[in-house]
Amino acid sequence: MLLKNSKSSYLTYRTGTLKAAKALDVTCALYNATKAAWNAVTVPAQKNDPNC
């Protein structure tokens, strides 16, 4: 979370980690696992969330 700032929140972390997961794994397996983890702790989807 090197990109954190004073306006960071779980919502922005969700989007950031989904973007990173998508960039790291072209099969979408990491993205799907990351998305499932955020959904499990009830952090809602954001309009900026990437699709994979």
PDB file of N, CA and C in Angstrom:
ATOM      1  N   MET A   1       0.823  -1.177   0.000  1.00  0.00           N
ATOM      2  CA  MET A   1       0.000   0.000   0.000  1.00  0.00           C
ATOM      3  C   MET A   1       0.874   1.250   0.000  1.00  0.00           C
ATOM      4  N   LEU A   2       1.832   1.245  -0.883  1.00  0.00           N
ATOM      5  CA  LEU A   2       2.740   2.381  -1.003  1.00  0.00           C
ATOM      6  C   LEU A   2       2.050   3.626  -1.544  1.00  0.00           C
ATOM      7  N   LEU A   3       0.864   3.468  -2.111  1.00  0.00           N
ATOM      8  CA  LEU A   3       0.150   4.602  -2.691  1.00  0.00           C
ATOM      9  C   LEU A   3      -0.817   5.256  -1.709  1.00  0.00           C
ATOM     10  N   LYS A   4      -0.768   4.855  -0.445  1.00  0.00           N
ATOM     11  CA  LYS A   4      -1.728   5.399   0.507  1.00  0.00           C
ATOM     12  C   LYS A   4      -1.469   6.879   0.766  1.00  0.00           C
ATOM     13  N   ASN A   5      -2.523   7.587   1.110  1.00  0.00           N
ATOM     14  CA  ASN A   5      -2.425   8.998   1.463  1.00  0.00           C
ATOM     15  C   ASN A   5      -3.482   9.301   2.516  1.00  0.00           C
ATOM     16  N   SER A   6      -3.688  10.539   2.826  1.00  0.00           N
ATOM     17  CA  SER A   6      -4.621  10.903   3.894  1.00  0.00           C
ATOM     18  C   SER A   6      -6.072  10.585   3.552  1.00  0.00           C
ATOM     19  N   LYS A   7      -6.370  10.390   2.266  1.00  0.00           N
ATOM     20  CA  LYS A   7      -7.732  10.078   1.861  1.00  0.00           C
ATOM     21  C   LYS A   7      -7.931   8.593   1.581  1.00  0.00           C
ATOM     22  N   SER A   8      -6.950   7.756   1.918  1.00  0.00           N
ATOM     23  CA  SER A   8      -7.055   6.324   1.692  1.00  0.00           C
ATOM     24  C   SER A   8      -8.112   5.719   2.600  1.00  0.00           C
ATOM     25  N   SER A   9      -8.770   4.697   2.073  1.00  0.00           N
ATOM     26  CA  SER A   9      -9.781   3.989   2.840  1.00  0.00           C
ATOM     27  C   SER A   9      -9.835   2.560   2.342  1.00  0.00           C
ATOM     28  N   TYR A  10     -10.619   1.729   2.994  1.00  0.00           N
ATOM     29  CA  TYR A  10     -10.780   0.359   2.528  1.00  0.00           C
ATOM     30  C   TYR A  10     -11.339   0.338   1.106  1.00  0.00           C
ATOM     31  N   LEU A  11     -12.160   1.297   0.769  1.00  0.00           N
ATOM     32  CA  LEU A  11     -12.736   1.350  -0.579  1.00  0.00           C
ATOM     33  C   LEU A  11     -11.657   1.591  -1.623  1.00  0.00           C
ATOM     34  N   THR A  12     -10.732   2.498  -1.334  1.00  0.00           N
ATOM     35  CA  THR A  12      -9.650   2.753  -2.285  1.00  0.00           C
ATOM     36  C   THR A  12      -8.642   1.608  -2.291  1.00  0.00           C
ATOM     37  N   TYR A  13      -8.432   0.964  -1.142  1.00  0.00           N
ATOM     38  CA  TYR A  13      -7.552  -0.198  -1.089  1.00  0.00           C
ATOM     39  C   TYR A  13      -8.122  -1.335  -1.928  1.00  0.00           C
ATOM     40  N   ARG A  14      -9.441  -1.512  -1.887  1.00  0.00           N
ATOM     41  CA  ARG A  14     -10.075  -2.559  -2.685  1.00  0.00           C
ATOM     42  C   ARG A  14      -9.740  -2.349  -4.164  1.00  0.00           C
ATOM     43  N   THR A  15      -9.984  -1.149  -4.651  1.00  0.00           N
ATOM     44  CA  THR A  15      -9.730  -0.858  -6.063  1.00  0.00           C
ATOM     45  C   THR A  15      -8.255  -1.037  -6.391  1.00  0.00           C
ATOM     46  N   GLY A  16      -7.382  -0.554  -5.539  1.00  0.00           N
ATOM     47  CA  GLY A  16      -5.950  -0.673  -5.781  1.00  0.00           C
ATOM     48  C   GLY A  16      -5.462  -2.107  -5.811  1.00  0.00           C
ATOM     49  N   THR A  17      -5.943  -2.909  -4.891  1.00  0.00           N
ATOM     50  CA  THR A  17      -5.501  -4.303  -4.869  1.00  0.00           C
ATOM     51  C   THR A  17      -6.081  -5.089  -6.038  1.00  0.00           C
ATOM     52  N   LEU A  18      -7.287  -4.750  -6.477  1.00  0.00           N
ATOM     53  CA  LEU A  18      -7.849  -5.422  -7.647  1.00  0.00           C
ATOM     54  C   LEU A  18      -7.064  -5.059  -8.909  1.00  0.00           C
ATOM     55  N   LYS A  19      -6.675  -3.804  -9.032  1.00  0.00           N
ATOM     56  CA  LYS A  19      -5.861  -3.387 -10.182  1.00  0.00           C
ATOM     57  C   LYS A  19      -4.512  -4.110 -10.172  1.00  0.00           C
ATOM     58  N   ALA A  20      -3.908  -4.208  -9.008  1.00  0.00           N
ATOM     59  CA  ALA A  20      -2.619  -4.893  -8.899  1.00  0.00           C
ATOM     60  C   ALA A  20      -2.757  -6.378  -9.209  1.00  0.00           C
ATOM     61  N   ALA A  21      -3.795  -7.006  -8.700  1.00  0.00           N
ATOM     62  CA  ALA A  21      -4.006  -8.432  -8.957  1.00  0.00           C
ATOM     63  C   ALA A  21      -4.219  -8.699 -10.436  1.00  0.00           C
ATOM     64  N   LYS A  22      -4.946  -7.838 -11.087  1.00  0.00           N
ATOM     65  CA  LYS A  22      -5.181  -7.980 -12.530  1.00  0.00           C
ATOM     66  C   LYS A  22      -3.877  -7.835 -13.302  1.00  0.00           C
ATOM     67  N   ALA A  23      -3.047  -6.894 -12.902  1.00  0.00           N
ATOM     68  CA  ALA A  23      -1.777  -6.659 -13.595  1.00  0.00           C
ATOM     69  C   ALA A  23      -0.782  -7.801 -13.370  1.00  0.00           C
ATOM     70  N   LEU A  24      -0.855  -8.450 -12.219  1.00  0.00           N
ATOM     71  CA  LEU A  24       0.109  -9.494 -11.890  1.00  0.00           C
ATOM     72  C   LEU A  24      -0.233 -10.862 -12.467  1.00  0.00           C
ATOM     73  N   ASP A  25      -1.506 -11.095 -12.770  1.00  0.00           N
ATOM     74  CA  ASP A  25      -1.933 -12.440 -13.175  1.00  0.00           C
ATOM     75  C   ASP A  25      -2.941 -12.347 -14.311  1.00  0.00           C
ATOM     76  N   VAL A  26      -2.510 -12.700 -15.520  1.00  0.00           N
ATOM     77  CA  VAL A  26      -3.393 -12.585 -16.688  1.00  0.00           C
ATOM     78  C   VAL A  26      -4.497 -13.644 -16.707  1.00  0.00           C
ATOM     79  N   THR A  27      -4.394 -14.678 -15.861  1.00  0.00           N
ATOM     80  CA  THR A  27      -5.425 -15.714 -15.821  1.00  0.00           C
ATOM     81  C   THR A  27      -6.642 -15.299 -14.991  1.00  0.00           C
ATOM     82  N   CYS A  28      -6.534 -14.214 -14.280  1.00  0.00           N
ATOM     83  CA  CYS A  28      -7.587 -13.671 -13.410  1.00  0.00           C
ATOM     84  C   CYS A  28      -7.793 -14.465 -12.121  1.00  0.00           C
ATOM     85  N   ALA A  29      -7.002 -15.471 -11.876  1.00  0.00           N
ATOM     86  CA  ALA A  29      -7.155 -16.260 -10.649  1.00  0.00           C
ATOM     87  C   ALA A  29      -6.870 -15.405  -9.411  1.00  0.00           C
ATOM     88  N   LEU A  30      -5.797 -14.631  -9.445  1.00  0.00           N
ATOM     89  CA  LEU A  30      -5.449 -13.764  -8.317  1.00  0.00           C
ATOM     90  C   LEU A  30      -6.488 -12.661  -8.150  1.00  0.00           C
ATOM     91  N   TYR A  31      -6.948 -12.112  -9.262  1.00  0.00           N
ATOM     92  CA  TYR A  31      -7.990 -11.091  -9.226  1.00  0.00           C
ATOM     93  C   TYR A  31      -9.252 -11.644  -8.566  1.00  0.00           C
ATOM     94  N   ASN A  32      -9.675 -12.831  -8.981  1.00  0.00           N
ATOM     95  CA  ASN A  32     -10.894 -13.433  -8.428  1.00  0.00           C
ATOM     96  C   ASN A  32     -10.755 -13.725  -6.941  1.00  0.00           C
ATOM     97  N   ALA A  33      -9.582 -14.186  -6.522  1.00  0.00           N
ATOM     98  CA  ALA A  33      -9.353 -14.446  -5.102  1.00  0.00           C
ATOM     99  C   ALA A  33      -9.357 -13.152  -4.296  1.00  0.00           C
ATOM    100  N   THR A  34      -8.751 -12.119  -4.842  1.00  0.00           N
ATOM    101  CA  THR A  34      -8.713 -10.823  -4.167  1.00  0.00           C
ATOM    102  C   THR A  34     -10.117 -10.237  -4.054  1.00  0.00           C
ATOM    103  N   LYS A  35     -10.869 -10.318  -5.132  1.00  0.00           N
ATOM    104  CA  LYS A  35     -12.243  -9.810  -5.121  1.00  0.00           C
ATOM    105  C   LYS A  35     -13.097 -10.580  -4.112  1.00  0.00           C
ATOM    106  N   ALA A  36     -12.927 -11.884  -4.060  1.00  0.00           N
ATOM    107  CA  ALA A  36     -13.684 -12.709  -3.108  1.00  0.00           C
ATOM    108  C   ALA A  36     -13.341 -12.334  -1.666  1.00  0.00           C
ATOM    109  N   ALA A  37     -12.071 -12.030  -1.418  1.00  0.00           N
ATOM    110  CA  ALA A  37     -11.664 -11.632  -0.067  1.00  0.00           C
ATOM    111  C   ALA A  37     -12.321 -10.316   0.342  1.00  0.00           C
ATOM    112  N   TRP A  38     -12.335  -9.331  -0.551  1.00  0.00           N
ATOM    113  CA  TRP A  38     -12.983  -8.055  -0.248  1.00  0.00           C
ATOM    114  C   TRP A  38     -14.486  -8.245  -0.056  1.00  0.00           C
ATOM    115  N   ASN A  39     -15.090  -9.083  -0.883  1.00  0.00           N
ATOM    116  CA  ASN A  39     -16.522  -9.348  -0.731  1.00  0.00           C
ATOM    117  C   ASN A  39     -16.812 -10.044   0.593  1.00  0.00           C
ATOM    118  N   ALA A  40     -15.912 -10.918   1.031  1.00  0.00           N
ATOM    119  CA  ALA A  40     -16.102 -11.646   2.280  1.00  0.00           C
ATOM    120  C   ALA A  40     -16.124 -10.721   3.491  1.00  0.00           C
ATOM    121  N   VAL A  41     -15.389  -9.632   3.422  1.00  0.00           N
ATOM    122  CA  VAL A  41     -15.378  -8.685   4.544  1.00  0.00           C
ATOM    123  C   VAL A  41     -16.303  -7.503   4.278  1.00  0.00           C
ATOM    124  N   THR A  42     -17.176  -7.685   3.321  1.00  0.00           N
ATOM    125  CA  THR A  42     -18.244  -6.744   2.952  1.00  0.00           C
ATOM    126  C   THR A  42     -17.778  -5.327   2.615  1.00  0.00           C
ATOM    127  N   VAL A  43     -16.674  -5.250   1.881  1.00  0.00           N
ATOM    128  CA  VAL A  43     -16.266  -3.969   1.312  1.00  0.00           C
ATOM    129  C   VAL A  43     -16.891  -3.934  -0.078  1.00  0.00           C
ATOM    130  N   PRO A  44     -17.822  -3.007  -0.317  1.00  0.00           N
ATOM    131  CA  PRO A  44     -18.591  -3.023  -1.567  1.00  0.00           C
ATOM    132  C   PRO A  44     -17.774  -2.662  -2.803  1.00  0.00           C
ATOM    133  N   ALA A  45     -18.259  -3.126  -3.935  1.00  0.00           N
ATOM    134  CA  ALA A  45     -17.636  -2.806  -5.214  1.00  0.00           C
ATOM    135  C   ALA A  45     -17.684  -1.303  -5.457  1.00  0.00           C
ATOM    136  N   GLN A  46     -16.663  -0.809  -6.157  1.00  0.00           N
ATOM    137  CA  GLN A  46     -16.564   0.608  -6.476  1.00  0.00           C
ATOM    138  C   GLN A  46     -16.655   0.807  -7.980  1.00  0.00           C
ATOM    139  N   LYS A  47     -17.044   1.988  -8.405  1.00  0.00           N
ATOM    140  CA  LYS A  47     -17.169   2.263  -9.840  1.00  0.00           C
ATOM    141  C   LYS A  47     -15.827   2.186 -10.540  1.00  0.00           C
ATOM    142  N   ASN A  48     -14.714   2.401  -9.825  1.00  0.00           N
ATOM    143  CA  ASN A  48     -13.383   2.364 -10.411  1.00  0.00           C
ATOM    144  C   ASN A  48     -12.771   0.965 -10.422  1.00  0.00           C
ATOM    145  N   ASP A  49     -13.453  -0.017  -9.847  1.00  0.00           N
ATOM    146  CA  ASP A  49     -12.909  -1.374  -9.817  1.00  0.00           C
ATOM    147  C   ASP A  49     -12.748  -1.901 -11.246  1.00  0.00           C
ATOM    148  N   PRO A  50     -11.597  -2.534 -11.516  1.00  0.00           N
ATOM    149  CA  PRO A  50     -11.397  -3.094 -12.847  1.00  0.00           C
ATOM    150  C   PRO A  50     -12.193  -4.383 -13.020  1.00  0.00           C
ATOM    151  N   ASN A  51     -12.382  -4.782 -14.253  1.00  0.00           N
ATOM    152  CA  ASN A  51     -12.981  -6.088 -14.551  1.00  0.00           C
ATOM    153  C   ASN A  51     -11.897  -6.986 -15.084  1.00  0.00           C
ATOM    154  N   CYS A  52     -12.064  -8.268 -14.873  1.00  0.00           N
ATOM    155  CA  CYS A  52     -11.080  -9.207 -15.378  1.00  0.00           C
ATOM    156  C   CYS A  52     -11.788 -10.373 -16.030  1.00  0.00           C
TER     157      CYS A  52
END
